[in-house]
Amino acid sequence: MGAPAHSAHEYVLKLYVSGASPNSLRAIDNLQHILETHLAGRYHLTIIDVRQDAAVAEQQQIIALPMLIKDSPLPARRLIGDMSDLRKVLNGLGING
């Protein structure tokens, strides 16, 4: 069967964090709130703990944590930080909020 197909209008996101650090937990909470408020039902979020999977962080060239990567819709984007700046996150996702 392979990977699930994503709709053209679905946001495919990966959030890279470092364990249960305060910054990581804050980024997860902030991002989930933003996504549920602005993209409810239209996103797929994967959270990757680089402490448990360092090879993936190296492959993706993760230089700072927490880091959000938007793979879809294009253009791909990378956001660094705890996702507390709503305007910056919405701009990075290409959403006019």
PDB file of N, CA and C in Angstrom:
ATOM      1  N   MET A   1       0.794  -1.213   0.000  1.00  0.00           N
ATOM      2  CA  MET A   1       0.000   0.000   0.000  1.00  0.00           C
ATOM      3  C   MET A   1       0.830   1.268   0.000  1.00  0.00           C
ATOM      4  N   GLY A   2       1.919   1.464   0.583  1.00  0.00           N
ATOM      5  CA  GLY A   2       2.700   2.693   0.472  1.00  0.00           C
ATOM      6  C   GLY A   2       2.198   3.816   1.357  1.00  0.00           C
ATOM      7  N   ALA A   3       2.767   4.992   1.156  1.00  0.00           N
ATOM      8  CA  ALA A   3       2.442   6.161   1.977  1.00  0.00           C
ATOM      9  C   ALA A   3       1.052   6.677   1.641  1.00  0.00           C
ATOM     10  N   PRO A   4       0.393   7.266   2.642  1.00  0.00           N
ATOM     11  CA  PRO A   4      -0.939   7.810   2.376  1.00  0.00           C
ATOM     12  C   PRO A   4      -0.874   8.976   1.407  1.00  0.00           C
ATOM     13  N   ALA A   5      -1.854   9.055   0.551  1.00  0.00           N
ATOM     14  CA  ALA A   5      -1.922  10.171  -0.392  1.00  0.00           C
ATOM     15  C   ALA A   5      -2.447  11.396   0.343  1.00  0.00           C
ATOM     16  N   HIS A   6      -1.859  12.535   0.062  1.00  0.00           N
ATOM     17  CA  HIS A   6      -2.297  13.782   0.691  1.00  0.00           C
ATOM     18  C   HIS A   6      -2.978  14.638  -0.357  1.00  0.00           C
ATOM     19  N   SER A   7      -4.064  15.253   0.040  1.00  0.00           N
ATOM     20  CA  SER A   7      -4.792  16.125  -0.864  1.00  0.00           C
ATOM     21  C   SER A   7      -3.941  17.345  -1.191  1.00  0.00           C
ATOM     22  N   ALA A   8      -4.198  17.944  -2.312  1.00  0.00           N
ATOM     23  CA  ALA A   8      -3.437  19.118  -2.745  1.00  0.00           C
ATOM     24  C   ALA A   8      -3.617  20.285  -1.777  1.00  0.00           C
ATOM     25  N   HIS A   9      -4.699  20.283  -1.036  1.00  0.00           N
ATOM     26  CA  HIS A   9      -4.968  21.397  -0.118  1.00  0.00           C
ATOM     27  C   HIS A   9      -4.580  21.051   1.314  1.00  0.00           C
ATOM     28  N   GLU A  10      -4.026  19.875   1.532  1.00  0.00           N
ATOM     29  CA  GLU A  10      -3.633  19.493   2.880  1.00  0.00           C
ATOM     30  C   GLU A  10      -2.200  19.938   3.146  1.00  0.00           C
ATOM     31  N   TYR A  11      -1.977  20.462   4.332  1.00  0.00           N
ATOM     32  CA  TYR A  11      -0.649  20.873   4.752  1.00  0.00           C
ATOM     33  C   TYR A  11       0.067  19.659   5.327  1.00  0.00           C
ATOM     34  N   VAL A  12       1.254  19.382   4.834  1.00  0.00           N
ATOM     35  CA  VAL A  12       2.074  18.285   5.331  1.00  0.00           C
ATOM     36  C   VAL A  12       3.242  18.925   6.075  1.00  0.00           C
ATOM     37  N   LEU A  13       3.271  18.689   7.395  1.00  0.00           N
ATOM     38  CA  LEU A  13       4.213  19.378   8.269  1.00  0.00           C
ATOM     39  C   LEU A  13       4.988  18.390   9.124  1.00  0.00           C
ATOM     40  N   LYS A  14       6.244  18.749   9.405  1.00  0.00           N
ATOM     41  CA  LYS A  14       7.067  17.968  10.321  1.00  0.00           C
ATOM     42  C   LYS A  14       7.663  18.934  11.329  1.00  0.00           C
ATOM     43  N   LEU A  15       7.482  18.615  12.604  1.00  0.00           N
ATOM     44  CA  LEU A  15       8.050  19.431  13.668  1.00  0.00           C
ATOM     45  C   LEU A  15       9.155  18.626  14.338  1.00  0.00           C
ATOM     46  N   TYR A  16      10.368  19.138  14.260  1.00  0.00           N
ATOM     47  CA  TYR A  16      11.517  18.486  14.880  1.00  0.00           C
ATOM     48  C   TYR A  16      11.758  19.128  16.239  1.00  0.00           C
ATOM     49  N   VAL A  17      11.812  18.289  17.283  1.00  0.00           N
ATOM     50  CA  VAL A  17      11.993  18.774  18.649  1.00  0.00           C
ATOM     51  C   VAL A  17      13.116  17.980  19.317  1.00  0.00           C
ATOM     52  N   SER A  18      13.512  18.452  20.486  1.00  0.00           N
ATOM     53  CA  SER A  18      14.555  17.772  21.266  1.00  0.00           C
ATOM     54  C   SER A  18      13.964  17.337  22.596  1.00  0.00           C
ATOM     55  N   GLY A  19      13.449  16.115  22.627  1.00  0.00           N
ATOM     56  CA  GLY A  19      12.891  15.571  23.861  1.00  0.00           C
ATOM     57  C   GLY A  19      11.763  16.414  24.405  1.00  0.00           C
ATOM     58  N   ALA A  20      11.666  16.418  25.733  1.00  0.00           N
ATOM     59  CA  ALA A  20      10.583  17.142  26.402  1.00  0.00           C
ATOM     60  C   ALA A  20      11.088  18.461  26.984  1.00  0.00           C
ATOM     61  N   SER A  21      11.976  19.123  26.270  1.00  0.00           N
ATOM     62  CA  SER A  21      12.492  20.408  26.739  1.00  0.00           C
ATOM     63  C   SER A  21      11.352  21.429  26.754  1.00  0.00           C
ATOM     64  N   PRO A  22      11.454  22.459  27.596  1.00  0.00           N
ATOM     65  CA  PRO A  22      10.389  23.472  27.648  1.00  0.00           C
ATOM     66  C   PRO A  22      10.117  24.101  26.281  1.00  0.00           C
ATOM     67  N   ASN A  23      11.177  24.393  25.509  1.00  0.00           N
ATOM     68  CA  ASN A  23      10.998  24.980  24.185  1.00  0.00           C
ATOM     69  C   ASN A  23      10.252  24.031  23.250  1.00  0.00           C
ATOM     70  N   SER A  24      10.594  22.751  23.315  1.00  0.00           N
ATOM     71  CA  SER A  24       9.939  21.758  22.466  1.00  0.00           C
ATOM     72  C   SER A  24       8.462  21.631  22.812  1.00  0.00           C
ATOM     73  N   LEU A  25       8.165  21.539  24.101  1.00  0.00           N
ATOM     74  CA  LEU A  25       6.770  21.404  24.528  1.00  0.00           C
ATOM     75  C   LEU A  25       5.958  22.639  24.159  1.00  0.00           C
ATOM     76  N   ARG A  26       6.562  23.816  24.311  1.00  0.00           N
ATOM     77  CA  ARG A  26       5.888  25.065  23.960  1.00  0.00           C
ATOM     78  C   ARG A  26       5.621  25.107  22.450  1.00  0.00           C
ATOM     79  N   ALA A  27       6.593  24.672  21.648  1.00  0.00           N
ATOM     80  CA  ALA A  27       6.415  24.658  20.194  1.00  0.00           C
ATOM     81  C   ALA A  27       5.275  23.728  19.800  1.00  0.00           C
ATOM     82  N   ILE A  28       5.215  22.553  20.410  1.00  0.00           N
ATOM     83  CA  ILE A  28       4.144  21.595  20.099  1.00  0.00           C
ATOM     84  C   ILE A  28       2.786  22.195  20.447  1.00  0.00           C
ATOM     85  N   ASP A  29       2.668  22.739  21.662  1.00  0.00           N
ATOM     86  CA  ASP A  29       1.392  23.331  22.099  1.00  0.00           C
ATOM     87  C   ASP A  29       0.984  24.489  21.194  1.00  0.00           C
ATOM     88  N   ASN A  30       1.927  25.410  20.942  1.00  0.00           N
ATOM     89  CA  ASN A  30       1.612  26.579  20.120  1.00  0.00           C
ATOM     90  C   ASN A  30       1.206  26.164  18.712  1.00  0.00           C
ATOM     91  N   LEU A  31       1.960  25.254  18.120  1.00  0.00           N
ATOM     92  CA  LEU A  31       1.674  24.843  16.755  1.00  0.00           C
ATOM     93  C   LEU A  31       0.329  24.122  16.659  1.00  0.00           C
ATOM     94  N   GLN A  32       0.053  23.218  17.590  1.00  0.00           N
ATOM     95  CA  GLN A  32      -1.231  22.507  17.550  1.00  0.00           C
ATOM     96  C   GLN A  32      -2.396  23.477  17.688  1.00  0.00           C
ATOM     97  N   HIS A  33      -2.249  24.485  18.519  1.00  0.00           N
ATOM     98  CA  HIS A  33      -3.319  25.488  18.668  1.00  0.00           C
ATOM     99  C   HIS A  33      -3.511  26.259  17.356  1.00  0.00           C
ATOM    100  N   ILE A  34      -2.415  26.682  16.738  1.00  0.00           N
ATOM    101  CA  ILE A  34      -2.494  27.424  15.474  1.00  0.00           C
ATOM    102  C   ILE A  34      -3.137  26.559  14.393  1.00  0.00           C
ATOM    103  N   LEU A  35      -2.708  25.315  14.289  1.00  0.00           N
ATOM    104  CA  LEU A  35      -3.240  24.430  13.248  1.00  0.00           C
ATOM    105  C   LEU A  35      -4.724  24.159  13.452  1.00  0.00           C
ATOM    106  N   GLU A  36      -5.133  23.916  14.682  1.00  0.00           N
ATOM    107  CA  GLU A  36      -6.548  23.643  14.929  1.00  0.00           C
ATOM    108  C   GLU A  36      -7.411  24.886  14.700  1.00  0.00           C
ATOM    109  N   THR A  37      -6.834  26.053  14.943  1.00  0.00           N
ATOM    110  CA  THR A  37      -7.569  27.302  14.743  1.00  0.00           C
ATOM    111  C   THR A  37      -7.680  27.665  13.262  1.00  0.00           C
ATOM    112  N   HIS A  38      -6.606  27.469  12.511  1.00  0.00           N
ATOM    113  CA  HIS A  38      -6.549  27.963  11.136  1.00  0.00           C
ATOM    114  C   HIS A  38      -6.624  26.889  10.049  1.00  0.00           C
ATOM    115  N   LEU A  39      -6.328  25.633  10.406  1.00  0.00           N
ATOM    116  CA  LEU A  39      -6.285  24.576   9.389  1.00  0.00           C
ATOM    117  C   LEU A  39      -6.987  23.294   9.838  1.00  0.00           C
ATOM    118  N   ALA A  40      -7.947  23.402  10.711  1.00  0.00           N
ATOM    119  CA  ALA A  40      -8.606  22.209  11.257  1.00  0.00           C
ATOM    120  C   ALA A  40      -9.044  21.264  10.139  1.00  0.00           C
ATOM    121  N   GLY A  41      -8.599  20.016  10.243  1.00  0.00           N
ATOM    122  CA  GLY A  41      -8.970  19.004   9.270  1.00  0.00           C
ATOM    123  C   GLY A  41      -8.223  19.072   7.957  1.00  0.00           C
ATOM    124  N   ARG A  42      -7.274  20.011   7.840  1.00  0.00           N
ATOM    125  CA  ARG A  42      -6.564  20.185   6.559  1.00  0.00           C
ATOM    126  C   ARG A  42      -5.057  20.076   6.715  1.00  0.00           C
ATOM    127  N   TYR A  43      -4.607  19.340   7.725  1.00  0.00           N
ATOM    128  CA  TYR A  43      -3.168  19.208   7.911  1.00  0.00           C
ATOM    129  C   TYR A  43      -2.803  17.824   8.436  1.00  0.00           C
ATOM    130  N   HIS A  44      -1.561  17.458   8.176  1.00  0.00           N
ATOM    131  CA  HIS A  44      -0.986  16.231   8.721  1.00  0.00           C
ATOM    132  C   HIS A  44       0.332  16.632   9.372  1.00  0.00           C
ATOM    133  N   LEU A  45       0.402  16.508  10.696  1.00  0.00           N
ATOM    134  CA  LEU A  45       1.585  16.911  11.453  1.00  0.00           C
ATOM    135  C   LEU A  45       2.284  15.682  12.008  1.00  0.00           C
ATOM    136  N   THR A  46       3.591  15.585  11.735  1.00  0.00           N
ATOM    137  CA  THR A  46       4.422  14.544  12.320  1.00  0.00           C
ATOM    138  C   THR A  46       5.418  15.231  13.239  1.00  0.00           C
ATOM    139  N   ILE A  47       5.520  14.740  14.474  1.00  0.00           N
ATOM    140  CA  ILE A  47       6.475  15.297  15.427  1.00  0.00           C
ATOM    141  C   ILE A  47       7.621  14.305  15.563  1.00  0.00           C
ATOM    142  N   ILE A  48       8.835  14.783  15.328  1.00  0.00           N
ATOM    143  CA  ILE A  48      10.018  13.929  15.352  1.00  0.00           C
ATOM    144  C   ILE A  48      10.943  14.403  16.468  1.00  0.00           C
ATOM    145  N   ASP A  49      11.271  13.495  17.385  1.00  0.00           N
ATOM    146  CA  ASP A  49      12.208  13.790  18.465  1.00  0.00           C
ATOM    147  C   ASP A  49      13.604  13.409  17.984  1.00  0.00           C
ATOM    148  N   VAL A  50      14.459  14.414  17.758  1.00  0.00           N
ATOM    149  CA  VAL A  50      15.782  14.135  17.209  1.00  0.00           C
ATOM    150  C   VAL A  50      16.665  13.368  18.188  1.00  0.00           C
ATOM    151  N   ARG A  51      16.309  13.375  19.449  1.00  0.00           N
ATOM    152  CA  ARG A  51      17.068  12.572  20.413  1.00  0.00           C
ATOM    153  C   ARG A  51      16.868  11.088  20.141  1.00  0.00           C
ATOM    154  N   GLN A  52      15.709  10.734  19.629  1.00  0.00           N
ATOM    155  CA  GLN A  52      15.405   9.332  19.349  1.00  0.00           C
ATOM    156  C   GLN A  52      15.756   8.948  17.918  1.00  0.00           C
ATOM    157  N   ASP A  53      15.895   9.927  17.039  1.00  0.00           N
ATOM    158  CA  ASP A  53      16.173   9.637  15.635  1.00  0.00           C
ATOM    159  C   ASP A  53      17.127  10.684  15.064  1.00  0.00           C
ATOM    160  N   ALA A  54      18.376  10.627  15.494  1.00  0.00           N
ATOM    161  CA  ALA A  54      19.370  11.627  15.080  1.00  0.00           C
ATOM    162  C   ALA A  54      19.658  11.565  13.582  1.00  0.00           C
ATOM    163  N   ALA A  55      19.558  10.385  12.973  1.00  0.00           N
ATOM    164  CA  ALA A  55      19.850  10.239  11.544  1.00  0.00           C
ATOM    165  C   ALA A  55      18.891  11.071  10.704  1.00  0.00           C
ATOM    166  N   VAL A  56      17.630  11.115  11.106  1.00  0.00           N
ATOM    167  CA  VAL A  56      16.627  11.889  10.368  1.00  0.00           C
ATOM    168  C   VAL A  56      16.974  13.375  10.438  1.00  0.00           C
ATOM    169  N   ALA A  57      17.406  13.840  11.579  1.00  0.00           N
ATOM    170  CA  ALA A  57      17.782  15.253  11.728  1.00  0.00           C
ATOM    171  C   ALA A  57      18.959  15.582  10.818  1.00  0.00           C
ATOM    172  N   GLU A  58      19.885  14.656  10.713  1.00  0.00           N
ATOM    173  CA  GLU A  58      21.040  14.873   9.841  1.00  0.00           C
ATOM    174  C   GLU A  58      20.616  14.895   8.375  1.00  0.00           C
ATOM    175  N   GLN A  59      19.746  13.975   7.984  1.00  0.00           N
ATOM    176  CA  GLN A  59      19.256  13.927   6.599  1.00  0.00           C
ATOM    177  C   GLN A  59      18.548  15.224   6.215  1.00  0.00           C
ATOM    178  N   GLN A  60      17.752  15.754   7.131  1.00  0.00           N
ATOM    179  CA  GLN A  60      16.972  16.960   6.861  1.00  0.00           C
ATOM    180  C   GLN A  60      17.781  18.237   7.095  1.00  0.00           C
ATOM    181  N   GLN A  61      19.032  18.092   7.508  1.00  0.00           N
ATOM    182  CA  GLN A  61      19.907  19.229   7.785  1.00  0.00           C
ATOM    183  C   GLN A  61      19.286  20.187   8.801  1.00  0.00           C
ATOM    184  N   ILE A  62      18.853  19.615   9.909  1.00  0.00           N
ATOM    185  CA  ILE A  62      18.265  20.400  10.994  1.00  0.00           C
ATOM    186  C   ILE A  62      19.400  21.123  11.706  1.00  0.00           C
ATOM    187  N   ILE A  63      19.339  22.443  11.724  1.00  0.00           N
ATOM    188  CA  ILE A  63      20.420  23.229  12.315  1.00  0.00           C
ATOM    189  C   ILE A  63      20.046  23.840  13.661  1.00  0.00           C
ATOM    190  N   ALA A  64      18.744  23.913  13.947  1.00  0.00           N
ATOM    191  CA  ALA A  64      18.287  24.481  15.207  1.00  0.00           C
ATOM    192  C   ALA A  64      16.954  23.829  15.563  1.00  0.00           C
ATOM    193  N   LEU A  65      16.653  23.788  16.840  1.00  0.00           N
ATOM    194  CA  LEU A  65      15.406  23.175  17.303  1.00  0.00           C
ATOM    195  C   LEU A  65      14.681  24.123  18.232  1.00  0.00           C
ATOM    196  N   PRO A  66      13.386  24.039  18.291  1.00  0.00           N
ATOM    197  CA  PRO A  66      12.487  23.289  17.429  1.00  0.00           C
ATOM    198  C   PRO A  66      12.464  23.870  16.008  1.00  0.00           C
ATOM    199  N   MET A  67      12.238  22.991  15.032  1.00  0.00           N
ATOM    200  CA  MET A  67      12.140  23.420  13.641  1.00  0.00           C
ATOM    201  C   MET A  67      10.915  22.780  13.000  1.00  0.00           C
ATOM    202  N   LEU A  68      10.128  23.617  12.328  1.00  0.00           N
ATOM    203  CA  LEU A  68       8.960  23.154  11.586  1.00  0.00           C
ATOM    204  C   LEU A  68       9.300  23.187  10.104  1.00  0.00           C
ATOM    205  N   ILE A  69       9.040  22.082   9.411  1.00  0.00           N
ATOM    206  CA  ILE A  69       9.225  22.029   7.965  1.00  0.00           C
ATOM    207  C   ILE A  69       7.860  21.814   7.328  1.00  0.00           C
ATOM    208  N   LYS A  70       7.513  22.733   6.421  1.00  0.00           N
ATOM    209  CA  LYS A  70       6.267  22.601   5.645  1.00  0.00           C
ATOM    210  C   LYS A  70       6.659  22.026   4.295  1.00  0.00           C
ATOM    211  N   ASP A  71       6.275  20.770   4.056  1.00  0.00           N
ATOM    212  CA  ASP A  71       6.579  20.118   2.785  1.00  0.00           C
ATOM    213  C   ASP A  71       5.541  20.430   1.724  1.00  0.00           C
ATOM    214  N   SER A  72       4.315  20.621   2.146  1.00  0.00           N
ATOM    215  CA  SER A  72       3.224  20.836   1.202  1.00  0.00           C
ATOM    216  C   SER A  72       2.175  21.704   1.869  1.00  0.00           C
ATOM    217  N   PRO A  73       1.503  22.575   1.163  1.00  0.00           N
ATOM    218  CA  PRO A  73       1.690  22.896  -0.247  1.00  0.00           C
ATOM    219  C   PRO A  73       2.980  23.682  -0.462  1.00  0.00           C
ATOM    220  N   LEU A  74       3.458  23.625  -1.695  1.00  0.00           N
ATOM    221  CA  LEU A  74       4.678  24.352  -2.046  1.00  0.00           C
ATOM    222  C   LEU A  74       4.429  25.850  -2.007  1.00  0.00           C
ATOM    223  N   PRO A  75       5.396  26.684  -1.750  1.00  0.00           N
ATOM    224  CA  PRO A  75       6.797  26.337  -1.579  1.00  0.00           C
ATOM    225  C   PRO A  75       7.067  25.745  -0.194  1.00  0.00           C
ATOM    226  N   ALA A  76       8.049  24.860  -0.125  1.00  0.00           N
ATOM    227  CA  ALA A  76       8.464  24.301   1.156  1.00  0.00           C
ATOM    228  C   ALA A  76       9.049  25.433   2.003  1.00  0.00           C
ATOM    229  N   ARG A  77       8.841  25.329   3.294  1.00  0.00           N
ATOM    230  CA  ARG A  77       9.341  26.371   4.207  1.00  0.00           C
ATOM    231  C   ARG A  77       9.883  25.732   5.468  1.00  0.00           C
ATOM    232  N   ARG A  78      10.774  26.453   6.148  1.00  0.00           N
ATOM    233  CA  ARG A  78      11.318  26.039   7.438  1.00  0.00           C
ATOM    234  C   ARG A  78      11.156  27.185   8.423  1.00  0.00           C
ATOM    235  N   LEU A  79      10.637  26.859   9.594  1.00  0.00           N
ATOM    236  CA  LEU A  79      10.479  27.848  10.663  1.00  0.00           C
ATOM    237  C   LEU A  79      11.198  27.342  11.902  1.00  0.00           C
ATOM    238  N   ILE A  80      11.930  28.215  12.559  1.00  0.00           N
ATOM    239  CA  ILE A  80      12.669  27.846  13.759  1.00  0.00           C
ATOM    240  C   ILE A  80      12.094  28.601  14.950  1.00  0.00           C
ATOM    241  N   GLY A  81      11.990  27.914  16.084  1.00  0.00           N
ATOM    242  CA  GLY A  81      11.562  28.565  17.314  1.00  0.00           C
ATOM    243  C   GLY A  81      10.392  27.857  17.961  1.00  0.00           C
ATOM    244  N   ASP A  82       9.830  28.492  18.996  1.00  0.00           N
ATOM    245  CA  ASP A  82       8.779  27.839  19.769  1.00  0.00           C
ATOM    246  C   ASP A  82       7.368  28.103  19.218  1.00  0.00           C
ATOM    247  N   MET A  83       7.291  28.677  18.027  1.00  0.00           N
ATOM    248  CA  MET A  83       6.027  28.903  17.310  1.00  0.00           C
ATOM    249  C   MET A  83       5.091  29.846  18.082  1.00  0.00           C
ATOM    250  N   SER A  84       5.678  30.723  18.904  1.00  0.00           N
ATOM    251  CA  SER A  84       4.852  31.639  19.692  1.00  0.00           C
ATOM    252  C   SER A  84       4.494  32.916  18.929  1.00  0.00           C
ATOM    253  N   ASP A  85       5.204  33.212  17.845  1.00  0.00           N
ATOM    254  CA  ASP A  85       4.922  34.403  17.049  1.00  0.00           C
ATOM    255  C   ASP A  85       3.891  34.031  15.979  1.00  0.00           C
ATOM    256  N   LEU A  86       2.629  34.262  16.277  1.00  0.00           N
ATOM    257  CA  LEU A  86       1.530  33.834  15.413  1.00  0.00           C
ATOM    258  C   LEU A  86       1.697  34.342  13.984  1.00  0.00           C
ATOM    259  N   ARG A  87       2.003  35.614  13.819  1.00  0.00           N
ATOM    260  CA  ARG A  87       2.135  36.196  12.478  1.00  0.00           C
ATOM    261  C   ARG A  87       3.245  35.503  11.689  1.00  0.00           C
ATOM    262  N   LYS A  88       4.371  35.268  12.346  1.00  0.00           N
ATOM    263  CA  LYS A  88       5.493  34.607  11.687  1.00  0.00           C
ATOM    264  C   LYS A  88       5.121  33.173  11.259  1.00  0.00           C
ATOM    265  N   VAL A  89       4.424  32.452  12.116  1.00  0.00           N
ATOM    266  CA  VAL A  89       4.028  31.080  11.782  1.00  0.00           C
ATOM    267  C   VAL A  89       3.013  31.078  10.646  1.00  0.00           C
ATOM    268  N   LEU A  90       2.012  31.950  10.710  1.00  0.00           N
ATOM    269  CA  LEU A  90       1.014  32.013   9.643  1.00  0.00           C
ATOM    270  C   LEU A  90       1.656  32.401   8.307  1.00  0.00           C
ATOM    271  N   ASN A  91       2.568  33.378   8.333  1.00  0.00           N
ATOM    272  CA  ASN A  91       3.289  33.758   7.117  1.00  0.00           C
ATOM    273  C   ASN A  91       4.101  32.581   6.575  1.00  0.00           C
ATOM    274  N   GLY A  92       4.774  31.878   7.471  1.00  0.00           N
ATOM    275  CA  GLY A  92       5.575  30.731   7.065  1.00  0.00           C
ATOM    276  C   GLY A  92       4.733  29.621   6.453  1.00  0.00           C
ATOM    277  N   LEU A  93       3.505  29.491   6.929  1.00  0.00           N
ATOM    278  CA  LEU A  93       2.602  28.476   6.391  1.00  0.00           C
ATOM    279  C   LEU A  93       1.867  28.982   5.154  1.00  0.00           C
ATOM    280  N   GLY A  94       2.007  30.267   4.868  1.00  0.00           N
ATOM    281  CA  GLY A  94       1.313  30.833   3.699  1.00  0.00           C
ATOM    282  C   GLY A  94      -0.152  31.075   3.970  1.00  0.00           C
ATOM    283  N   ILE A  95      -0.475  31.375   5.235  1.00  0.00           N
ATOM    284  CA  ILE A  95      -1.869  31.625   5.626  1.00  0.00           C
ATOM    285  C   ILE A  95      -2.019  33.089   5.973  1.00  0.00           C
ATOM    286  N   ASN A  96      -3.048  33.717   5.457  1.00  0.00           N
ATOM    287  CA  ASN A  96      -3.334  35.093   5.856  1.00  0.00           C
ATOM    288  C   ASN A  96      -4.309  35.034   7.012  1.00  0.00           C
ATOM    289  N   GLY A  97      -3.772  35.254   8.215  1.00  0.00           N
ATOM    290  CA  GLY A  97      -4.610  35.097   9.403  1.00  0.00           C
ATOM    291  C   GLY A  97      -5.027  36.403   9.931  1.00  0.00           C
TER     292      GLY A  97
END
